[in-house]
Amino acid sequence: MHIITRGQSIFINDGLINVWIPGIWNLCTNHTLDLERLSDILHSRNRLIRTLRLSDMLESFFDLFANRRSNDRYLGADLHALFKEVMNLDIREMSRHMSSDGLSRSLSCISALSALAELTQSRPLAQILVEAFSRNRDSILTHELSRNLPFWALAIESLRGLVHSCDISRCIRYLQPRCDDICQYCRDLGASDPRIDAVLNILYQMNAGMMDWQRGRGLQNNLHPTAFLTAPEFASPAQDWCYGCMPSTQAMGGWRRNLIGVLDNLDVRRRSSPDCRRPDWL
C-alpha cells in the first residue's frame, strides 16, 4: 500500500481498489476534520469498509503522523474521534473475520495505535485503547491464539504512564485465565524488553494472591509489597518516608491486610525514625 497526496485528498491503493478519502488531508494541514463527513464515509460506503482493510487505513494514518513528535496539536480532539471511530469499527468486526491467524488484524491495529500514542505521548488516544481492550476482553480470551496474547499485553503495557497505572494493571489481569500461555510465549520473546518483566510481575503476583498496583514495584525493585503506597499517585513527593521503616508484611495475604499492617504500625515507626513522616492522605 502507498499513499499519494493530491490537493485536498489522499489516494490509497491497497492492491484491490483505489479509494479517494476527501477531508483527511485537511486534517494534516488545517488540524480540522469534518466528522460528519468521515462518519458518512466509514458507515455508508460499504464498498470501502469491505475492501479497504481498516488496519491498512490505520497504517496510513500512522505514517502521516509518526514524524510529528514535537507537536501534539496534530493529535487533537478531532483526530482522537477519528481513531475512536475506526477502532470501534474494527473491534465490531473482530470475531467476524476469524482466520488461522486469530485476531491478528485487530492486534495490528492495537499495536500501531499503541506505538503512536507512546510516540506522541497522547493520553486521550491511550485511554481509547484501554477502553477498547476492556470492552472486548472476552473476545480476546476466547478467540485469540496463544502466541499472540503476549503482544496484546505488551501493547497495553506500553501505555503505562499515559493513563492511570491501575487501569493498565487491570487490563493485564483480564488475561489471567490464560496466564500459562502468556508466560510461556513471553519467555520465548526474551528478557530484553522491560515491558515483559512488568507483565509477568502482574500475572505472578495474582497467582501469589497479591495485587500489582504500580508496575510490580514491590517485586521488581526488591521492596516490600506495600511500597506502592509511596507512589506519586498516593503520596506527595514532598513527603519523604523511607522503605526501611515499612513493616514486614510478607506473611500477610492480600493488599488490604498489608495496608492495615502499615496503618497499625506507622505511628510507632514514625516516632522511632525521624526520617519517616506520615503522609497527609493518612
C-alpha atoms as a PDB file:
ATOM      1  CA  MET A   1       0.000   0.000   0.000  1.00  0.00           C
ATOM      2  CA  HIS A   2       1.199   3.504  -0.753  1.00  0.00           C
ATOM      3  CA  ILE A   3      -0.194   6.991  -0.323  1.00  0.00           C
ATOM      4  CA  ILE A   4      -0.138   9.754  -2.916  1.00  0.00           C
ATOM      5  CA  THR A   5      -1.314  13.190  -1.834  1.00  0.00           C
ATOM      6  CA  ARG A   6      -3.220  15.170  -4.448  1.00  0.00           C
ATOM      7  CA  GLY A   7      -4.584  18.546  -3.460  1.00  0.00           C
ATOM      8  CA  GLN A   8      -7.032  18.106  -0.618  1.00  0.00           C
ATOM      9  CA  SER A   9      -7.323  14.324  -0.687  1.00  0.00           C
ATOM     10  CA  ILE A  10      -5.328  11.176  -0.130  1.00  0.00           C
ATOM     11  CA  PHE A  11      -5.200   8.484  -2.772  1.00  0.00           C
ATOM     12  CA  ILE A  12      -4.903   4.991  -1.245  1.00  0.00           C
ATOM     13  CA  ASN A  13      -4.017   1.995  -3.358  1.00  0.00           C
ATOM     14  CA  ASP A  14      -4.189  -1.281  -1.442  1.00  0.00           C
ATOM     15  CA  GLY A  15      -3.883  -3.513  -4.490  1.00  0.00           C
ATOM     16  CA  LEU A  16      -7.633  -4.121  -4.636  1.00  0.00           C
ATOM     17  CA  ILE A  17      -9.368  -0.813  -5.323  1.00  0.00           C
ATOM     18  CA  ASN A  18      -8.485   2.851  -5.464  1.00  0.00           C
ATOM     19  CA  VAL A  19     -10.401   4.971  -2.983  1.00  0.00           C
ATOM     20  CA  TRP A  20     -10.473   8.738  -2.536  1.00  0.00           C
ATOM     21  CA  ILE A  21     -10.881   9.879   1.060  1.00  0.00           C
ATOM     22  CA  PRO A  22     -11.749  13.604   0.965  1.00  0.00           C
ATOM     23  CA  GLY A  23     -11.103  15.628   4.070  1.00  0.00           C
ATOM     24  CA  ILE A  24      -8.267  13.592   5.594  1.00  0.00           C
ATOM     25  CA  TRP A  25      -5.575  15.756   4.043  1.00  0.00           C
ATOM     26  CA  ASN A  26      -7.300  18.807   5.536  1.00  0.00           C
ATOM     27  CA  LEU A  27      -6.661  17.274   8.934  1.00  0.00           C
ATOM     28  CA  CYS A  28      -2.938  17.196   8.209  1.00  0.00           C
ATOM     29  CA  THR A  29      -2.802  20.816   7.075  1.00  0.00           C
ATOM     30  CA  ASN A  30      -5.516  22.676   8.978  1.00  0.00           C
ATOM     31  CA  HIS A  31      -5.921  20.418  12.042  1.00  0.00           C
ATOM     32  CA  THR A  32      -9.654  20.146  11.381  1.00  0.00           C
ATOM     33  CA  LEU A  33     -11.868  17.288  10.301  1.00  0.00           C
ATOM     34  CA  ASP A  34     -15.488  17.088   9.219  1.00  0.00           C
ATOM     35  CA  LEU A  35     -16.538  14.207  11.475  1.00  0.00           C
ATOM     36  CA  GLU A  36     -19.991  14.013   9.879  1.00  0.00           C
ATOM     37  CA  ARG A  37     -18.357  13.560   6.500  1.00  0.00           C
ATOM     38  CA  LEU A  38     -15.984  10.960   7.906  1.00  0.00           C
ATOM     39  CA  SER A  39     -18.849   9.067   9.528  1.00  0.00           C
ATOM     40  CA  ASP A  40     -20.633   9.001   6.168  1.00  0.00           C
ATOM     41  CA  ILE A  41     -17.515   7.605   4.525  1.00  0.00           C
ATOM     42  CA  LEU A  42     -16.984   4.918   7.146  1.00  0.00           C
ATOM     43  CA  HIS A  43     -20.588   3.799   7.643  1.00  0.00           C
ATOM     44  CA  SER A  44     -22.342   4.343   4.298  1.00  0.00           C
ATOM     45  CA  ARG A  45     -19.766   3.281   1.748  1.00  0.00           C
ATOM     46  CA  ASN A  46     -19.906  -0.449   2.256  1.00  0.00           C
ATOM     47  CA  ARG A  47     -17.536  -0.990  -0.645  1.00  0.00           C
ATOM     48  CA  LEU A  48     -14.874   0.918   1.258  1.00  0.00           C
ATOM     49  CA  ILE A  49     -15.465  -0.963   4.500  1.00  0.00           C
ATOM     50  CA  ARG A  50     -15.409  -4.366   2.821  1.00  0.00           C
ATOM     51  CA  THR A  51     -12.443  -3.840   0.570  1.00  0.00           C
ATOM     52  CA  LEU A  52     -10.105  -1.395   2.227  1.00  0.00           C
ATOM     53  CA  ARG A  53      -8.726  -3.073   5.306  1.00  0.00           C
ATOM     54  CA  LEU A  54      -9.017  -0.908   8.375  1.00  0.00           C
ATOM     55  CA  SER A  55      -5.575  -1.990   9.524  1.00  0.00           C
ATOM     56  CA  ASP A  56      -4.161  -0.529   6.311  1.00  0.00           C
ATOM     57  CA  MET A  57      -6.077   2.681   6.924  1.00  0.00           C
ATOM     58  CA  LEU A  58      -4.594   2.928  10.404  1.00  0.00           C
ATOM     59  CA  GLU A  59      -1.170   2.210   8.997  1.00  0.00           C
ATOM     60  CA  SER A  60      -1.562   5.127   6.606  1.00  0.00           C
ATOM     61  CA  PHE A  61      -2.557   7.415   9.481  1.00  0.00           C
ATOM     62  CA  PHE A  62       0.455   6.212  11.432  1.00  0.00           C
ATOM     63  CA  ASP A  63       2.754   7.051   8.523  1.00  0.00           C
ATOM     64  CA  LEU A  64       1.288  10.539   8.291  1.00  0.00           C
ATOM     65  CA  PHE A  65       1.673  11.443  11.946  1.00  0.00           C
ATOM     66  CA  ALA A  66       4.580   9.343  13.223  1.00  0.00           C
ATOM     67  CA  ASN A  67       7.184  12.018  12.467  1.00  0.00           C
ATOM     68  CA  ARG A  68       5.382  14.792  14.342  1.00  0.00           C
ATOM     69  CA  ARG A  69       6.637  14.002  17.821  1.00  0.00           C
ATOM     70  CA  SER A  70       7.260  17.630  18.812  1.00  0.00           C
ATOM     71  CA  ASN A  71       3.805  18.976  18.034  1.00  0.00           C
ATOM     72  CA  ASP A  72       0.873  17.253  19.715  1.00  0.00           C
ATOM     73  CA  ARG A  73      -1.688  19.583  18.142  1.00  0.00           C
ATOM     74  CA  TYR A  74      -1.764  17.210  15.165  1.00  0.00           C
ATOM     75  CA  LEU A  75      -3.395  14.741  17.549  1.00  0.00           C
ATOM     76  CA  GLY A  76      -6.211  16.968  18.754  1.00  0.00           C
ATOM     77  CA  ALA A  77      -9.762  16.088  19.639  1.00  0.00           C
ATOM     78  CA  ASP A  78     -10.822  15.556  16.020  1.00  0.00           C
ATOM     79  CA  LEU A  79      -8.091  13.033  15.353  1.00  0.00           C
ATOM     80  CA  HIS A  80      -8.894  11.157  18.551  1.00  0.00           C
ATOM     81  CA  ALA A  81     -12.529  10.989  17.455  1.00  0.00           C
ATOM     82  CA  LEU A  82     -11.339   9.601  14.138  1.00  0.00           C
ATOM     83  CA  PHE A  83      -9.250   6.909  15.819  1.00  0.00           C
ATOM     84  CA  LYS A  84     -12.138   6.019  18.118  1.00  0.00           C
ATOM     85  CA  GLU A  85     -14.490   5.634  15.165  1.00  0.00           C
ATOM     86  CA  VAL A  86     -12.088   3.397  13.277  1.00  0.00           C
ATOM     87  CA  MET A  87     -11.246   1.365  16.381  1.00  0.00           C
ATOM     88  CA  ASN A  88     -14.930   0.737  17.096  1.00  0.00           C
ATOM     89  CA  LEU A  89     -15.498  -0.428  13.532  1.00  0.00           C
ATOM     90  CA  ASP A  90     -12.553  -2.788  13.652  1.00  0.00           C
ATOM     91  CA  ILE A  91     -13.485  -4.168  17.074  1.00  0.00           C
ATOM     92  CA  ARG A  92     -17.043  -4.887  15.938  1.00  0.00           C
ATOM     93  CA  GLU A  93     -15.625  -6.957  13.122  1.00  0.00           C
ATOM     94  CA  MET A  94     -13.224  -8.723  15.472  1.00  0.00           C
ATOM     95  CA  SER A  95     -14.859 -12.143  15.743  1.00  0.00           C
ATOM     96  CA  ARG A  96     -16.372 -11.997  12.248  1.00  0.00           C
ATOM     97  CA  HIS A  97     -13.067 -12.224  10.446  1.00  0.00           C
ATOM     98  CA  MET A  98     -11.574 -15.197  12.262  1.00  0.00           C
ATOM     99  CA  SER A  99      -8.771 -16.982  10.471  1.00  0.00           C
ATOM    100  CA  SER A 100      -5.816 -19.232  11.191  1.00  0.00           C
ATOM    101  CA  ASP A 101      -4.031 -16.120  12.432  1.00  0.00           C
ATOM    102  CA  GLY A 102      -6.561 -15.489  15.196  1.00  0.00           C
ATOM    103  CA  LEU A 103      -7.217 -11.793  15.761  1.00  0.00           C
ATOM    104  CA  SER A 104      -4.040 -10.656  14.054  1.00  0.00           C
ATOM    105  CA  ARG A 105      -5.807  -7.866  12.159  1.00  0.00           C
ATOM    106  CA  SER A 106      -7.189  -6.335  15.320  1.00  0.00           C
ATOM    107  CA  LEU A 107      -3.869  -6.862  17.085  1.00  0.00           C
ATOM    108  CA  SER A 108      -2.042  -4.984  14.333  1.00  0.00           C
ATOM    109  CA  CYS A 109      -4.426  -2.038  14.801  1.00  0.00           C
ATOM    110  CA  ILE A 110      -3.982  -2.029  18.572  1.00  0.00           C
ATOM    111  CA  SER A 111      -0.194  -2.282  18.268  1.00  0.00           C
ATOM    112  CA  ALA A 112       0.052   0.521  15.702  1.00  0.00           C
ATOM    113  CA  LEU A 113      -2.135   2.870  17.733  1.00  0.00           C
ATOM    114  CA  SER A 114      -0.298   1.968  20.938  1.00  0.00           C
ATOM    115  CA  ALA A 115       3.019   2.845  19.309  1.00  0.00           C
ATOM    116  CA  LEU A 116       1.543   6.100  18.027  1.00  0.00           C
ATOM    117  CA  ALA A 117       0.178   7.024  21.464  1.00  0.00           C
ATOM    118  CA  GLU A 118       3.541   6.268  23.049  1.00  0.00           C
ATOM    119  CA  LEU A 119       5.428   8.229  20.395  1.00  0.00           C
ATOM    120  CA  THR A 120       3.287  11.341  20.757  1.00  0.00           C
ATOM    121  CA  GLN A 121       2.539  10.923  24.489  1.00  0.00           C
ATOM    122  CA  SER A 122      -1.150  11.215  23.670  1.00  0.00           C
ATOM    123  CA  ARG A 123      -3.226  10.483  26.783  1.00  0.00           C
ATOM    124  CA  PRO A 124      -6.686  10.574  25.104  1.00  0.00           C
ATOM    125  CA  LEU A 125      -5.601   8.076  22.469  1.00  0.00           C
ATOM    126  CA  ALA A 126      -4.150   5.792  25.154  1.00  0.00           C
ATOM    127  CA  GLN A 127      -7.433   5.945  27.062  1.00  0.00           C
ATOM    128  CA  ILE A 128      -9.353   4.970  23.924  1.00  0.00           C
ATOM    129  CA  LEU A 129      -7.172   1.875  23.524  1.00  0.00           C
ATOM    130  CA  VAL A 130      -7.554   0.833  27.156  1.00  0.00           C
ATOM    131  CA  GLU A 131     -11.346   1.154  26.915  1.00  0.00           C
ATOM    132  CA  ALA A 132     -11.438  -0.824  23.662  1.00  0.00           C
ATOM    133  CA  PHE A 133      -9.339  -3.586  25.219  1.00  0.00           C
ATOM    134  CA  SER A 134     -11.576  -3.729  28.300  1.00  0.00           C
ATOM    135  CA  ARG A 135     -14.780  -3.920  26.249  1.00  0.00           C
ATOM    136  CA  ASN A 136     -13.520  -6.764  24.095  1.00  0.00           C
ATOM    137  CA  ARG A 137     -11.537  -8.811  26.606  1.00  0.00           C
ATOM    138  CA  ASP A 138     -13.911 -11.787  26.322  1.00  0.00           C
ATOM    139  CA  SER A 139     -13.414 -11.993  22.557  1.00  0.00           C
ATOM    140  CA  ILE A 140      -9.661 -11.755  23.006  1.00  0.00           C
ATOM    141  CA  LEU A 141      -9.590 -14.516  25.622  1.00  0.00           C
ATOM    142  CA  THR A 142     -11.890 -16.757  23.582  1.00  0.00           C
ATOM    143  CA  HIS A 143     -10.624 -16.346  20.030  1.00  0.00           C
ATOM    144  CA  GLU A 144      -7.012 -15.198  20.166  1.00  0.00           C
ATOM    145  CA  LEU A 145      -4.124 -17.574  19.532  1.00  0.00           C
ATOM    146  CA  SER A 146      -1.779 -18.248  22.425  1.00  0.00           C
ATOM    147  CA  ARG A 147       1.246 -16.915  20.590  1.00  0.00           C
ATOM    148  CA  ASN A 148      -0.480 -13.555  20.026  1.00  0.00           C
ATOM    149  CA  LEU A 149      -1.584 -12.945  23.616  1.00  0.00           C
ATOM    150  CA  PRO A 150       1.763 -11.520  24.830  1.00  0.00           C
ATOM    151  CA  PHE A 151       1.613  -8.869  22.112  1.00  0.00           C
ATOM    152  CA  TRP A 152      -1.794  -7.725  23.327  1.00  0.00           C
ATOM    153  CA  ALA A 153      -0.352  -7.447  26.823  1.00  0.00           C
ATOM    154  CA  LEU A 154       2.745  -5.589  25.617  1.00  0.00           C
ATOM    155  CA  ALA A 155       0.689  -3.146  23.544  1.00  0.00           C
ATOM    156  CA  ILE A 156      -1.354  -2.246  26.625  1.00  0.00           C
ATOM    157  CA  GLU A 157       1.687  -2.158  28.907  1.00  0.00           C
ATOM    158  CA  SER A 158       3.282   0.390  26.565  1.00  0.00           C
ATOM    159  CA  LEU A 159       0.550   2.842  27.563  1.00  0.00           C
ATOM    160  CA  ARG A 160       1.546   2.914  31.225  1.00  0.00           C
ATOM    161  CA  GLY A 161       2.335   6.484  32.172  1.00  0.00           C
ATOM    162  CA  LEU A 162      -0.263   7.841  29.748  1.00  0.00           C
ATOM    163  CA  VAL A 163      -3.242   6.520  31.703  1.00  0.00           C
ATOM    164  CA  HIS A 164      -3.571   5.584  35.352  1.00  0.00           C
ATOM    165  CA  SER A 165      -1.321   2.683  36.253  1.00  0.00           C
ATOM    166  CA  CYS A 166      -4.203   0.851  37.942  1.00  0.00           C
ATOM    167  CA  ASP A 167      -6.101   0.772  34.626  1.00  0.00           C
ATOM    168  CA  ILE A 168      -3.144  -0.813  32.853  1.00  0.00           C
ATOM    169  CA  SER A 169      -2.690  -3.435  35.566  1.00  0.00           C
ATOM    170  CA  ARG A 170      -6.416  -4.194  35.449  1.00  0.00           C
ATOM    171  CA  CYS A 171      -6.222  -4.826  31.690  1.00  0.00           C
ATOM    172  CA  ILE A 172      -3.290  -7.191  32.171  1.00  0.00           C
ATOM    173  CA  ARG A 173      -5.203  -9.023  34.895  1.00  0.00           C
ATOM    174  CA  TYR A 174      -8.052  -9.630  32.448  1.00  0.00           C
ATOM    175  CA  LEU A 175      -5.691 -12.061  30.710  1.00  0.00           C
ATOM    176  CA  GLN A 176      -5.147 -14.104  33.872  1.00  0.00           C
ATOM    177  CA  PRO A 177      -7.245 -17.105  32.665  1.00  0.00           C
ATOM    178  CA  ARG A 178      -4.587 -17.691  30.001  1.00  0.00           C
ATOM    179  CA  CYS A 179      -1.648 -16.827  32.194  1.00  0.00           C
ATOM    180  CA  ASP A 180       0.299 -20.005  31.357  1.00  0.00           C
ATOM    181  CA  ASP A 181       0.189 -19.299  27.620  1.00  0.00           C
ATOM    182  CA  ILE A 182       1.281 -15.702  28.100  1.00  0.00           C
ATOM    183  CA  CYS A 183       4.151 -16.614  30.411  1.00  0.00           C
ATOM    184  CA  GLN A 184       5.381 -19.313  28.042  1.00  0.00           C
ATOM    185  CA  TYR A 185       5.488 -17.056  24.998  1.00  0.00           C
ATOM    186  CA  CYS A 186       6.832 -14.090  26.976  1.00  0.00           C
ATOM    187  CA  ARG A 187       9.818 -16.206  27.932  1.00  0.00           C
ATOM    188  CA  ASP A 188      10.340 -17.047  24.279  1.00  0.00           C
ATOM    189  CA  LEU A 189      10.462 -13.329  23.470  1.00  0.00           C
ATOM    190  CA  GLY A 190      13.434 -12.866  25.793  1.00  0.00           C
ATOM    191  CA  ALA A 191      14.043 -10.598  28.758  1.00  0.00           C
ATOM    192  CA  SER A 192      15.413  -7.554  26.946  1.00  0.00           C
ATOM    193  CA  ASP A 193      12.068  -5.729  26.927  1.00  0.00           C
ATOM    194  CA  PRO A 194      11.197  -4.219  30.343  1.00  0.00           C
ATOM    195  CA  ARG A 195       7.514  -4.437  29.458  1.00  0.00           C
ATOM    196  CA  ILE A 196       7.780  -8.225  29.604  1.00  0.00           C
ATOM    197  CA  ASP A 197       9.016  -8.064  33.191  1.00  0.00           C
ATOM    198  CA  ALA A 198       6.120  -5.779  34.089  1.00  0.00           C
ATOM    199  CA  VAL A 199       3.526  -8.118  32.542  1.00  0.00           C
ATOM    200  CA  LEU A 200       4.988 -11.200  34.218  1.00  0.00           C
ATOM    201  CA  ASN A 201       5.177  -9.408  37.574  1.00  0.00           C
ATOM    202  CA  ILE A 202       1.463  -8.647  37.429  1.00  0.00           C
ATOM    203  CA  LEU A 203       0.467 -12.199  36.497  1.00  0.00           C
ATOM    204  CA  TYR A 204       2.784 -13.845  39.020  1.00  0.00           C
ATOM    205  CA  GLN A 205       1.578 -11.564  41.806  1.00  0.00           C
ATOM    206  CA  MET A 206      -2.007 -12.525  41.006  1.00  0.00           C
ATOM    207  CA  ASN A 207      -1.076 -16.169  41.380  1.00  0.00           C
ATOM    208  CA  ALA A 208       0.501 -15.344  44.746  1.00  0.00           C
ATOM    209  CA  GLY A 209      -2.660 -13.595  45.944  1.00  0.00           C
ATOM    210  CA  MET A 210      -1.254 -10.070  45.718  1.00  0.00           C
ATOM    211  CA  MET A 211      -2.386  -7.198  43.533  1.00  0.00           C
ATOM    212  CA  ASP A 212       0.090  -5.211  41.482  1.00  0.00           C
ATOM    213  CA  TRP A 213      -0.828  -1.540  41.645  1.00  0.00           C
ATOM    214  CA  GLN A 214       2.339   0.095  40.450  1.00  0.00           C
ATOM    215  CA  ARG A 215       4.038  -1.969  37.768  1.00  0.00           C
ATOM    216  CA  GLY A 216       5.317  -4.655  40.120  1.00  0.00           C
ATOM    217  CA  ARG A 217       7.318  -2.182  42.215  1.00  0.00           C
ATOM    218  CA  GLY A 218       7.415  -4.482  45.233  1.00  0.00           C
ATOM    219  CA  LEU A 219       8.945  -7.477  43.459  1.00  0.00           C
ATOM    220  CA  GLN A 220      10.764  -5.759  40.625  1.00  0.00           C
ATOM    221  CA  ASN A 221      12.693  -3.353  42.854  1.00  0.00           C
ATOM    222  CA  ASN A 222      13.150  -5.729  45.818  1.00  0.00           C
ATOM    223  CA  LEU A 223      10.910  -3.568  48.006  1.00  0.00           C
ATOM    224  CA  HIS A 224       8.157  -4.545  50.386  1.00  0.00           C
ATOM    225  CA  PRO A 225       4.821  -5.380  48.714  1.00  0.00           C
ATOM    226  CA  THR A 226       3.367  -2.238  50.308  1.00  0.00           C
ATOM    227  CA  ALA A 227       5.922   0.017  48.634  1.00  0.00           C
ATOM    228  CA  PHE A 228       3.252   1.083  46.143  1.00  0.00           C
ATOM    229  CA  LEU A 229       1.967   3.396  48.880  1.00  0.00           C
ATOM    230  CA  THR A 230       4.869   5.734  48.196  1.00  0.00           C
ATOM    231  CA  ALA A 231       3.986   6.131  44.510  1.00  0.00           C
ATOM    232  CA  PRO A 232       3.174   9.667  43.292  1.00  0.00           C
ATOM    233  CA  GLU A 233      -0.493   8.761  42.934  1.00  0.00           C
ATOM    234  CA  PHE A 234      -0.744   8.033  46.652  1.00  0.00           C
ATOM    235  CA  ALA A 235       1.736  10.365  48.360  1.00  0.00           C
ATOM    236  CA  SER A 236       3.079  13.826  47.734  1.00  0.00           C
ATOM    237  CA  PRO A 237       6.717  13.975  46.538  1.00  0.00           C
ATOM    238  CA  ALA A 238       7.389  16.286  49.476  1.00  0.00           C
ATOM    239  CA  GLN A 239       6.514  13.510  51.906  1.00  0.00           C
ATOM    240  CA  ASP A 240       9.725  11.565  52.329  1.00  0.00           C
ATOM    241  CA  TRP A 241       9.419   8.369  54.312  1.00  0.00           C
ATOM    242  CA  CYS A 242      11.878   5.515  53.977  1.00  0.00           C
ATOM    243  CA  TYR A 243      11.194   1.994  52.748  1.00  0.00           C
ATOM    244  CA  GLY A 244      13.274   0.517  55.549  1.00  0.00           C
ATOM    245  CA  CYS A 245      10.691   1.599  58.098  1.00  0.00           C
ATOM    246  CA  MET A 246       7.850  -0.173  56.353  1.00  0.00           C
ATOM    247  CA  PRO A 247       6.528  -3.098  58.444  1.00  0.00           C
ATOM    248  CA  SER A 248       7.302  -6.568  57.183  1.00  0.00           C
ATOM    249  CA  THR A 249       4.127  -7.942  55.614  1.00  0.00           C
ATOM    250  CA  GLN A 250       5.456 -10.808  53.533  1.00  0.00           C
ATOM    251  CA  ALA A 251       3.453 -13.306  55.575  1.00  0.00           C
ATOM    252  CA  MET A 252       0.197 -11.371  55.307  1.00  0.00           C
ATOM    253  CA  GLY A 253      -2.062 -12.284  52.415  1.00  0.00           C
ATOM    254  CA  GLY A 254      -3.729  -9.587  50.336  1.00  0.00           C
ATOM    255  CA  TRP A 255      -3.046  -5.894  49.940  1.00  0.00           C
ATOM    256  CA  ARG A 256      -5.842  -4.871  52.324  1.00  0.00           C
ATOM    257  CA  ARG A 257      -4.227  -6.641  55.241  1.00  0.00           C
ATOM    258  CA  ASN A 258      -0.889  -5.204  54.169  1.00  0.00           C
ATOM    259  CA  LEU A 259      -2.374  -1.732  54.336  1.00  0.00           C
ATOM    260  CA  ILE A 260      -3.900  -2.403  57.756  1.00  0.00           C
ATOM    261  CA  GLY A 261      -0.487  -3.517  58.987  1.00  0.00           C
ATOM    262  CA  VAL A 262       1.033  -0.284  57.732  1.00  0.00           C
ATOM    263  CA  LEU A 263      -1.621   1.819  59.476  1.00  0.00           C
ATOM    264  CA  ASP A 264      -1.262  -0.069  62.759  1.00  0.00           C
ATOM    265  CA  ASN A 265       2.495   0.339  62.862  1.00  0.00           C
ATOM    266  CA  LEU A 266       3.078   3.653  61.154  1.00  0.00           C
ATOM    267  CA  ASP A 267       2.878   5.859  64.259  1.00  0.00           C
ATOM    268  CA  VAL A 268       5.341   3.660  66.170  1.00  0.00           C
ATOM    269  CA  ARG A 269       7.711   3.527  63.213  1.00  0.00           C
ATOM    270  CA  ARG A 270       7.433   7.264  62.666  1.00  0.00           C
ATOM    271  CA  ARG A 271       8.386   8.021  66.278  1.00  0.00           C
ATOM    272  CA  SER A 272      11.377   5.677  66.119  1.00  0.00           C
ATOM    273  CA  SER A 273      12.702   7.172  62.877  1.00  0.00           C
ATOM    274  CA  PRO A 274      12.731  10.956  62.342  1.00  0.00           C
ATOM    275  CA  ASP A 275      13.105  10.392  58.596  1.00  0.00           C
ATOM    276  CA  CYS A 276       9.678   8.791  58.411  1.00  0.00           C
ATOM    277  CA  ARG A 277       6.882  11.344  58.239  1.00  0.00           C
ATOM    278  CA  ARG A 278       3.264  10.420  57.918  1.00  0.00           C
ATOM    279  CA  PRO A 279       1.797  11.456  54.544  1.00  0.00           C
ATOM    280  CA  ASP A 280      -1.189  13.795  54.536  1.00  0.00           C
ATOM    281  CA  TRP A 281      -3.569  11.296  52.971  1.00  0.00           C
ATOM    282  CA  LEU A 282      -3.279   9.027  56.032  1.00  0.00           C
END
